[in-house]
């Protein structure tokens, strides 16, 4: 009984602290927002691939007359910290890194309060949150800071409980930039957002400078067999069979470098154990940073990957790649439009994905998650796509 009373007592204390903090931030809004700071906060708390498809527009923001002399801070997810700090430090003045899970957590932790205070004291004149599939908790956190003027995308409801919740979230912002929802490739969606923000047409190209760019392609093929979800991973036996069949086709001409995070070591070890050509395989699992991976893909003849950020790196580098996809987020992150990259071949479990008349239907069906079995994609199809890319001179 005493423990229950103590539990409710702590809950009352927590609620009282939350009320006090919110009151303080409301008062601070009246005080701080009287003063201009000539500063902008850009919020990007999603994944590595999302950032690669977004980052080129930071240059457009920096070069625009309205933002040229402003201090721009990026509030970002630390998963892409290395890329941003090394490759985008010429357009971003300051970086603040925060795990989005901390902001999504309803509890007002010390870390969350510290970030909130830091953003409040900085007193940014403008907050730009261009993420299309936002989350209610992030929206609410940004609103609670009480900054002067906030801008976001019209967005979609994929990460909300309902369309109505999306509409409620949009009310937390001062300006909503209308961006098409379905069937728009993510890079173009970012382009439409920044065209609306800057009020001009943009000719932005997807690109990435790997630093110390490789002059010529080396005699290796990169394999990236990982992924965030099991249903988006091709089987390890399939990857091993692919290595063996391609080796036979080209008489051992190529070596294979398998990359991935340290926790994916078991996947890489399985591929090597199943292969008959272990002497041609080098495991780089857990041994490459993001910049290393970019350089690795840049120097490779070809990338074979599940649908991951590695494919977006290849597209930005204008490198050749075969993407193995179960159709997840079809139309948004795959397949690559030719006007962005014509060196990416995307393979799907069935032929419906190649029929133009079914495009919008498939976009709608797979906008959240595809339920198709990725292992219906055969080794023969991957081999055929590799031959197509390897035997072209471009």
Protein backbone atom coordinates (compact mmCIF):
# COMPACT_ATOMS: atom_id res chain seq x y z
CA UNK A 1 0.00 0.00 0.00
CA UNK A 2 2.84 2.36 0.88
CA UNK A 3 4.60 1.63 -2.39
CA UNK A 4 1.43 2.55 -4.30
CA UNK A 5 1.16 5.85 -2.44
CA UNK A 6 4.83 6.56 -3.14
CA UNK A 7 4.28 5.78 -6.82
CA UNK A 8 1.37 8.24 -7.07
CA UNK A 9 3.34 10.82 -5.10
CA UNK A 10 6.19 10.64 -7.66
CA UNK A 11 3.66 10.90 -10.48
CA UNK A 12 2.20 14.06 -8.92
CA UNK A 13 5.70 15.53 -8.60
CA UNK A 14 6.42 14.72 -12.26
CA UNK A 15 3.16 16.33 -13.40
CA UNK A 16 3.90 19.40 -11.31
CA UNK A 17 7.37 19.68 -12.89
CA UNK A 18 5.89 19.33 -16.39
CA UNK A 19 3.37 22.09 -15.68
CA UNK A 20 6.10 24.34 -14.26
CA UNK A 21 8.41 23.75 -17.25
CA UNK A 22 5.62 24.48 -19.74
CA UNK A 23 4.74 27.67 -17.85
CA UNK A 24 8.36 28.81 -17.88
CA UNK A 25 8.63 28.22 -21.63
CA UNK A 26 5.39 30.15 -22.26
CA UNK A 27 6.74 33.11 -20.30
CA UNK A 28 10.12 32.87 -22.03
CA UNK A 29 8.39 33.03 -25.42
CA UNK A 30 7.07 36.52 -24.64
CA UNK A 31 10.51 37.67 -23.53
CA UNK A 32 12.84 35.98 -26.02
CA UNK A 33 10.76 36.45 -29.15
CA UNK A 34 11.05 40.24 -28.97
CA UNK A 35 14.62 39.94 -30.15
CA UNK A 36 15.97 38.84 -33.54
CA UNK A 37 18.96 36.53 -33.65
CA UNK A 38 19.43 36.19 -37.44
CA UNK A 39 19.43 32.42 -36.97
CA UNK A 40 17.62 29.44 -38.48
CA UNK A 41 17.04 25.94 -37.11
CA UNK A 42 16.63 23.12 -39.65
CA UNK A 43 15.27 19.89 -38.17
CA UNK A 44 16.10 16.53 -39.75
CA UNK A 45 15.70 13.61 -37.35
CA UNK A 46 15.11 10.71 -39.75
CA UNK A 47 17.52 8.15 -41.25
CA UNK A 48 20.74 8.20 -43.29
CA UNK A 49 19.04 7.65 -46.65
CA UNK A 50 16.57 10.44 -45.95
CA UNK A 51 19.44 12.81 -45.25
CA UNK A 52 21.29 11.89 -48.46
CA UNK A 53 18.14 12.68 -50.47
CA UNK A 54 17.80 16.00 -48.61
CA UNK A 55 21.28 17.42 -48.04
CA UNK A 56 21.83 19.03 -51.47
CA UNK A 57 19.00 21.46 -50.72
CA UNK A 58 20.94 22.89 -47.78
CA UNK A 59 23.19 24.55 -50.37
CA UNK A 60 20.12 26.09 -52.01
CA UNK A 61 19.03 27.40 -48.62
CA UNK A 62 22.47 28.85 -47.87
CA UNK A 63 22.77 30.53 -51.28
CA UNK A 64 19.30 32.09 -51.24
CA UNK A 65 19.30 35.87 -50.69
CA UNK A 66 16.91 35.58 -47.73
CA UNK A 67 19.17 33.11 -45.87
CA UNK A 68 22.65 33.94 -47.16
CA UNK A 69 23.66 35.92 -44.08
CA UNK A 70 21.84 33.89 -41.48
CA UNK A 71 23.38 31.40 -39.07
CA UNK A 72 21.98 27.97 -39.88
CA UNK A 73 21.89 25.21 -37.26
CA UNK A 74 21.00 21.61 -38.07
CA UNK A 75 19.17 19.62 -35.40
CA UNK A 76 19.93 16.14 -36.67
CA UNK A 77 19.91 12.44 -35.97
CA UNK A 78 23.44 11.33 -34.97
CA UNK A 79 23.24 8.34 -37.35
CA UNK A 80 24.33 10.67 -40.18
CA UNK A 81 26.55 12.94 -38.05
CA UNK A 82 29.77 11.99 -39.84
CA UNK A 83 28.38 12.77 -43.29
CA UNK A 84 26.87 16.10 -42.26
CA UNK A 85 29.83 17.41 -40.27
CA UNK A 86 32.40 16.45 -42.92
CA UNK A 87 30.50 17.19 -46.13
CA UNK A 88 28.09 19.97 -45.17
CA UNK A 89 30.09 22.12 -42.76
CA UNK A 90 30.44 24.73 -45.51
CA UNK A 91 26.69 25.43 -45.48
CA UNK A 92 25.79 24.67 -41.85
CA UNK A 93 27.15 26.87 -39.06
CA UNK A 94 26.28 24.67 -36.09
CA UNK A 95 25.16 21.11 -35.46
CA UNK A 96 23.06 19.77 -32.60
CA UNK A 97 22.73 15.98 -32.42
CA UNK A 98 19.92 14.19 -30.63
CA UNK A 99 18.53 10.68 -30.74
CA UNK A 100 14.89 11.19 -31.85
CA UNK A 101 13.77 8.46 -29.43
CA UNK A 102 14.60 10.87 -26.59
CA UNK A 103 12.16 13.43 -27.99
CA UNK A 104 9.50 10.83 -28.74
CA UNK A 105 9.61 9.57 -25.14
CA UNK A 106 6.81 11.19 -23.15
CA UNK A 107 9.02 11.45 -20.08
CA UNK A 108 10.74 14.82 -19.56
CA UNK A 109 14.26 13.44 -19.09
CA UNK A 110 17.28 15.56 -18.20
CA UNK A 111 18.61 15.16 -21.74
CA UNK A 112 15.31 16.22 -23.27
CA UNK A 113 15.05 19.25 -20.98
CA UNK A 114 18.66 20.19 -21.71
CA UNK A 115 18.01 20.15 -25.47
CA UNK A 116 14.80 22.10 -25.04
CA UNK A 117 16.55 24.78 -22.99
CA UNK A 118 19.42 24.97 -25.48
CA UNK A 119 17.00 25.55 -28.37
CA UNK A 120 14.97 28.06 -26.39
CA UNK A 121 17.99 30.11 -25.35
CA UNK A 122 19.30 30.12 -28.94
CA UNK A 123 16.01 31.82 -29.85
CA UNK A 124 16.01 30.95 -33.56
CA UNK A 125 14.06 33.35 -35.77
CA UNK A 126 12.88 30.56 -38.05
CA UNK A 127 12.41 26.82 -37.57
CA UNK A 128 12.26 24.70 -40.75
CA UNK A 129 11.03 21.12 -40.37
CA UNK A 130 10.96 19.72 -43.94
CA UNK A 131 10.37 16.07 -42.97
CA UNK A 132 7.35 14.76 -44.87
CA UNK A 133 6.44 11.81 -42.64
CA UNK A 134 6.66 13.57 -39.31
CA UNK A 135 5.74 12.26 -35.85
CA UNK A 136 3.30 13.85 -33.43
CA UNK A 137 5.73 13.70 -30.51
CA UNK A 138 8.43 15.56 -32.48
CA UNK A 139 5.91 18.17 -33.67
CA UNK A 140 4.71 18.71 -30.13
CA UNK A 141 8.25 18.99 -28.77
CA UNK A 142 9.22 21.61 -31.37
CA UNK A 143 6.02 23.55 -30.69
CA UNK A 144 6.67 23.51 -26.94
CA UNK A 145 9.97 25.38 -27.42
CA UNK A 146 7.96 28.42 -28.48
CA UNK A 147 10.09 29.72 -31.35
CA UNK A 148 8.99 32.74 -33.40
CA UNK A 149 8.12 31.33 -36.81
CA UNK A 150 7.87 27.66 -37.75
CA UNK A 151 7.59 26.05 -41.21
CA UNK A 152 6.88 22.48 -42.22
CA UNK A 153 5.68 20.26 -45.07
CA UNK A 154 2.00 19.44 -45.54
CA UNK A 155 3.18 15.88 -44.93
CA UNK A 156 1.40 12.55 -44.85
CA UNK A 157 -0.24 10.57 -42.07
CA UNK A 158 1.99 7.47 -42.23
CA UNK A 159 3.48 8.11 -38.76
CA UNK A 160 0.32 9.53 -37.16
CA UNK A 161 -2.64 7.74 -35.61
CA UNK A 162 -4.96 9.29 -38.19
CA UNK A 163 -5.25 11.93 -40.90
CA UNK A 164 -7.01 14.08 -38.33
CA UNK A 165 -3.94 13.93 -36.07
CA UNK A 166 -1.82 15.12 -39.01
CA UNK A 167 -4.17 18.10 -39.44
CA UNK A 168 -3.88 18.87 -35.72
CA UNK A 169 -0.09 18.64 -35.94
CA UNK A 170 -0.03 21.04 -38.89
CA UNK A 171 -1.85 23.61 -36.76
CA UNK A 172 1.24 23.77 -34.52
CA UNK A 173 3.20 25.47 -37.33
CA UNK A 174 2.94 29.01 -38.70
CA UNK A 175 3.39 28.01 -42.33
CA UNK A 176 2.58 24.81 -44.19
CA UNK A 177 4.21 24.23 -47.59
CA UNK A 178 2.00 22.03 -49.74
CA UNK A 179 3.85 19.01 -51.12
CA UNK A 180 2.34 16.11 -53.04
CA UNK A 181 1.88 12.97 -50.98
CA UNK A 182 1.68 9.79 -53.08
CA UNK A 183 3.82 8.60 -55.97
CA UNK A 184 6.50 11.28 -55.63
CA UNK A 185 10.13 10.21 -55.31
CA UNK A 186 11.60 11.59 -52.08
CA UNK A 187 14.29 13.73 -53.72
CA UNK A 188 11.61 15.49 -55.80
CA UNK A 189 9.45 15.90 -52.71
CA UNK A 190 12.33 17.72 -51.02
CA UNK A 191 12.74 19.81 -54.18
CA UNK A 192 9.07 20.84 -54.14
CA UNK A 193 9.35 21.79 -50.47
CA UNK A 194 12.35 24.06 -51.01
CA UNK A 195 10.88 25.57 -54.16
CA UNK A 196 7.87 26.55 -52.05
CA UNK A 197 10.05 27.80 -49.22
CA UNK A 198 12.36 29.87 -51.43
CA UNK A 199 9.67 30.80 -53.97
CA UNK A 200 11.70 29.85 -57.05
CA UNK A 201 12.41 26.94 -59.36
CA UNK A 202 15.45 24.85 -58.46
CA UNK A 203 17.78 22.80 -60.65
CA UNK A 204 19.27 20.88 -57.73
CA UNK A 205 21.02 17.59 -58.54
CA UNK A 206 21.48 14.60 -56.24
CA UNK A 207 25.21 14.44 -55.59
CA UNK A 208 27.76 13.66 -52.95
CA UNK A 209 31.47 14.46 -52.75
CA UNK A 210 33.20 11.49 -51.12
CA UNK A 211 36.39 13.52 -50.40
CA UNK A 212 39.43 12.15 -52.25
CA UNK A 213 37.30 10.86 -55.10
CA UNK A 214 38.51 7.71 -56.83
CA UNK A 215 39.91 8.40 -60.31
CA UNK A 216 39.24 4.91 -61.69
CA UNK A 217 37.04 2.03 -60.58
CA UNK A 218 38.82 -0.84 -58.87
CA UNK A 219 38.26 -4.51 -59.59
CA UNK A 220 35.79 -5.20 -56.79
CA UNK A 221 32.06 -5.47 -56.15
CA UNK A 222 30.49 -4.23 -52.91
CA UNK A 223 27.77 -6.27 -51.24
CA UNK A 224 25.60 -4.63 -48.59
CA UNK A 225 23.35 -7.39 -47.18
CA UNK A 226 21.95 -5.63 -44.10
CA UNK A 227 18.79 -3.66 -43.45
CA UNK A 228 16.59 -2.41 -40.63
CA UNK A 229 13.89 -5.08 -41.02
CA UNK A 230 14.08 -8.81 -41.74
CA UNK A 231 11.43 -8.62 -44.47
CA UNK A 232 13.73 -6.28 -46.43
CA UNK A 233 16.75 -8.62 -46.35
CA UNK A 234 17.55 -11.07 -49.13
CA UNK A 235 18.60 -14.47 -47.72
CA UNK A 236 22.29 -15.05 -47.01
CA UNK A 237 22.24 -18.24 -49.12
CA UNK A 238 21.03 -16.17 -52.06
CA UNK A 239 23.92 -13.71 -51.65
CA UNK A 240 26.41 -16.60 -51.45
CA UNK A 241 24.93 -18.24 -54.56
CA UNK A 242 25.13 -14.90 -56.35
CA UNK A 243 28.86 -14.60 -55.56
CA UNK A 244 29.53 -18.13 -56.77
CA UNK A 245 27.55 -17.81 -59.99
CA UNK A 246 29.02 -14.42 -60.89
CA UNK A 247 32.51 -15.77 -60.15
CA UNK A 248 31.87 -18.68 -62.50
CA UNK A 249 30.45 -16.38 -65.18
CA UNK A 250 33.52 -14.11 -65.16
CA UNK A 251 36.14 -16.78 -64.29
CA UNK A 252 37.04 -15.26 -60.91
CA UNK A 253 37.68 -11.83 -62.38
CA UNK A 254 36.16 -9.91 -59.45
CA UNK A 255 36.64 -9.81 -55.68
CA UNK A 256 33.79 -9.08 -53.30
CA UNK A 257 33.83 -6.70 -50.34
CA UNK A 258 30.95 -7.17 -47.90
CA UNK A 259 30.13 -4.15 -45.75
CA UNK A 260 27.77 -3.59 -42.87
CA UNK A 261 27.42 -2.57 -39.24
CA UNK A 262 29.09 -4.63 -36.52
CA UNK A 263 25.76 -6.16 -35.43
CA UNK A 264 25.38 -7.58 -38.96
CA UNK A 265 28.49 -9.76 -38.59
CA UNK A 266 26.39 -12.91 -38.31
CA UNK A 267 24.83 -12.18 -41.72
CA UNK A 268 28.22 -11.65 -43.37
CA UNK A 269 29.71 -14.74 -41.71
CA UNK A 270 26.82 -16.84 -43.06
CA UNK A 271 27.32 -15.54 -46.60
CA UNK A 272 31.02 -16.40 -46.47
CA UNK A 273 30.35 -19.83 -44.97
CA UNK A 274 27.86 -20.71 -47.73
CA UNK A 275 30.11 -19.52 -50.57
CA UNK A 276 32.50 -21.76 -52.52
CA UNK A 277 34.76 -18.77 -53.21
CA UNK A 278 35.77 -17.64 -49.74
CA UNK A 279 39.19 -16.57 -51.03
CA UNK A 280 37.52 -13.87 -53.16
CA UNK A 281 35.51 -12.38 -50.29
CA UNK A 282 36.66 -9.74 -47.83
CA UNK A 283 34.51 -8.93 -44.81
CA UNK A 284 34.50 -5.25 -43.87
CA UNK A 285 31.65 -5.60 -41.38
CA UNK A 286 32.02 -3.13 -38.53
CA UNK A 287 35.22 -1.75 -40.07
CA UNK A 288 33.88 1.09 -42.20
CA UNK A 289 32.63 4.51 -41.20
CA UNK A 290 29.96 6.20 -43.30
CA UNK A 291 32.62 8.12 -45.21
CA UNK A 292 34.55 4.88 -45.72
CA UNK A 293 31.42 3.30 -47.15
CA UNK A 294 30.92 6.24 -49.52
CA UNK A 295 34.52 5.93 -50.75
CA UNK A 296 34.15 2.16 -51.03
CA UNK A 297 31.04 2.45 -53.22
CA UNK A 298 32.65 5.25 -55.23
CA UNK A 299 35.59 3.04 -56.12
CA UNK A 300 33.58 -0.12 -56.83
CA UNK A 301 32.54 -1.46 -60.19
CA UNK A 302 29.15 -2.30 -58.75
CA UNK A 303 27.06 -2.34 -55.57
CA UNK A 304 24.61 -5.15 -54.71
CA UNK A 305 22.38 -4.14 -51.84
CA UNK A 306 19.04 -4.56 -50.18
CA UNK A 307 17.06 -1.33 -50.21
CA UNK A 308 19.23 0.68 -47.80
CA UNK A 309 21.08 3.98 -47.61
CA UNK A 310 23.92 2.36 -49.58
CA UNK A 311 21.75 2.50 -52.72
CA UNK A 312 21.13 6.23 -52.21
CA UNK A 313 24.87 6.72 -51.79
CA UNK A 314 25.46 4.92 -55.09
CA UNK A 315 22.87 7.08 -56.85
CA UNK A 316 24.42 10.28 -55.49
CA UNK A 317 27.88 9.08 -56.56
CA UNK A 318 26.58 8.10 -60.03
CA UNK A 319 27.83 4.57 -59.30
CA UNK A 320 26.23 1.40 -60.62
CA UNK A 321 24.02 -0.62 -58.29
CA UNK A 322 21.48 -3.41 -58.16
CA UNK A 323 18.87 -2.79 -55.48
CA UNK A 324 16.99 -5.84 -54.16
CA UNK A 325 13.60 -4.63 -52.87
CA UNK A 326 10.36 -6.19 -51.69
CA UNK A 327 8.53 -3.05 -52.85
CA UNK A 328 8.50 -1.28 -49.51
CA UNK A 329 7.78 2.47 -49.99
CA UNK A 330 7.44 1.91 -53.74
CA UNK A 331 7.42 5.21 -55.64
CA UNK A 332 8.94 7.12 -52.74
CA UNK A 333 12.40 5.60 -52.23
CA UNK A 334 12.43 3.18 -55.16
CA UNK A 335 12.80 2.74 -58.08
CA UNK A 336 15.18 5.55 -59.00
CA UNK A 337 13.82 7.86 -61.72
CA UNK A 338 16.16 7.96 -64.73
CA UNK A 339 16.45 11.74 -64.49
CA UNK A 340 18.14 11.30 -61.10
CA UNK A 341 20.14 8.15 -61.80
CA UNK A 342 20.15 5.73 -64.74
CA UNK A 343 22.74 3.43 -63.15
CA UNK A 344 20.46 1.87 -60.51
CA UNK A 345 18.49 -1.28 -61.38
CA UNK A 346 15.79 -2.17 -58.84
CA UNK A 347 14.45 -5.72 -58.67
CA UNK A 348 11.06 -6.67 -57.19
CA UNK A 349 9.34 -9.95 -56.24
CA UNK A 350 6.95 -9.80 -59.22
CA UNK A 351 6.51 -8.12 -62.58
CA UNK A 352 3.59 -5.91 -61.50
CA UNK A 353 6.11 -3.31 -60.32
CA UNK A 354 7.24 -2.74 -63.91
CA UNK A 355 3.74 -2.07 -65.27
CA UNK A 356 3.01 1.65 -65.61
CA UNK A 357 -0.75 1.11 -65.38
CA UNK A 358 -0.31 -0.39 -61.88
CA UNK A 359 2.05 2.32 -60.58
CA UNK A 360 -0.39 4.32 -58.43
CA UNK A 361 -2.06 1.15 -57.14
CA UNK A 362 1.29 -0.22 -55.98
CA UNK A 363 2.28 3.14 -54.48
CA UNK A 364 -0.87 3.10 -52.36
CA UNK A 365 -0.53 -0.57 -51.36
CA UNK A 366 3.11 -0.28 -50.28
CA UNK A 367 3.21 3.22 -48.80
CA UNK A 368 3.68 1.90 -45.26
CA UNK A 369 5.00 -1.61 -45.66
CA UNK A 370 5.18 -4.24 -48.36
CA UNK A 371 4.19 -7.77 -47.33
CA UNK A 372 5.80 -9.40 -50.38
CA UNK A 373 8.55 -11.98 -49.91
CA UNK A 374 11.85 -10.47 -51.03
CA UNK A 375 13.28 -13.96 -51.58
CA UNK A 376 11.02 -14.43 -54.59
CA UNK A 377 13.70 -12.41 -56.37
CA UNK A 378 15.92 -15.09 -57.88
CA UNK A 379 19.69 -15.18 -58.09
CA UNK A 380 19.40 -15.45 -61.87
CA UNK A 381 17.62 -12.08 -62.03
CA UNK A 382 20.31 -10.41 -59.92
CA UNK A 383 23.03 -11.98 -62.06
CA UNK A 384 21.33 -10.77 -65.27
CA UNK A 385 21.13 -7.20 -63.92
CA UNK A 386 24.79 -7.30 -62.88
CA UNK A 387 25.83 -8.48 -66.34
CA UNK A 388 23.82 -5.64 -67.87
CA UNK A 389 25.64 -3.05 -65.72
CA UNK A 390 29.11 -4.62 -65.79
CA UNK A 391 29.14 -5.06 -69.57
CA UNK A 392 28.31 -1.41 -70.27
CA UNK A 393 31.16 1.08 -70.56
CA UNK A 394 29.29 4.04 -69.09
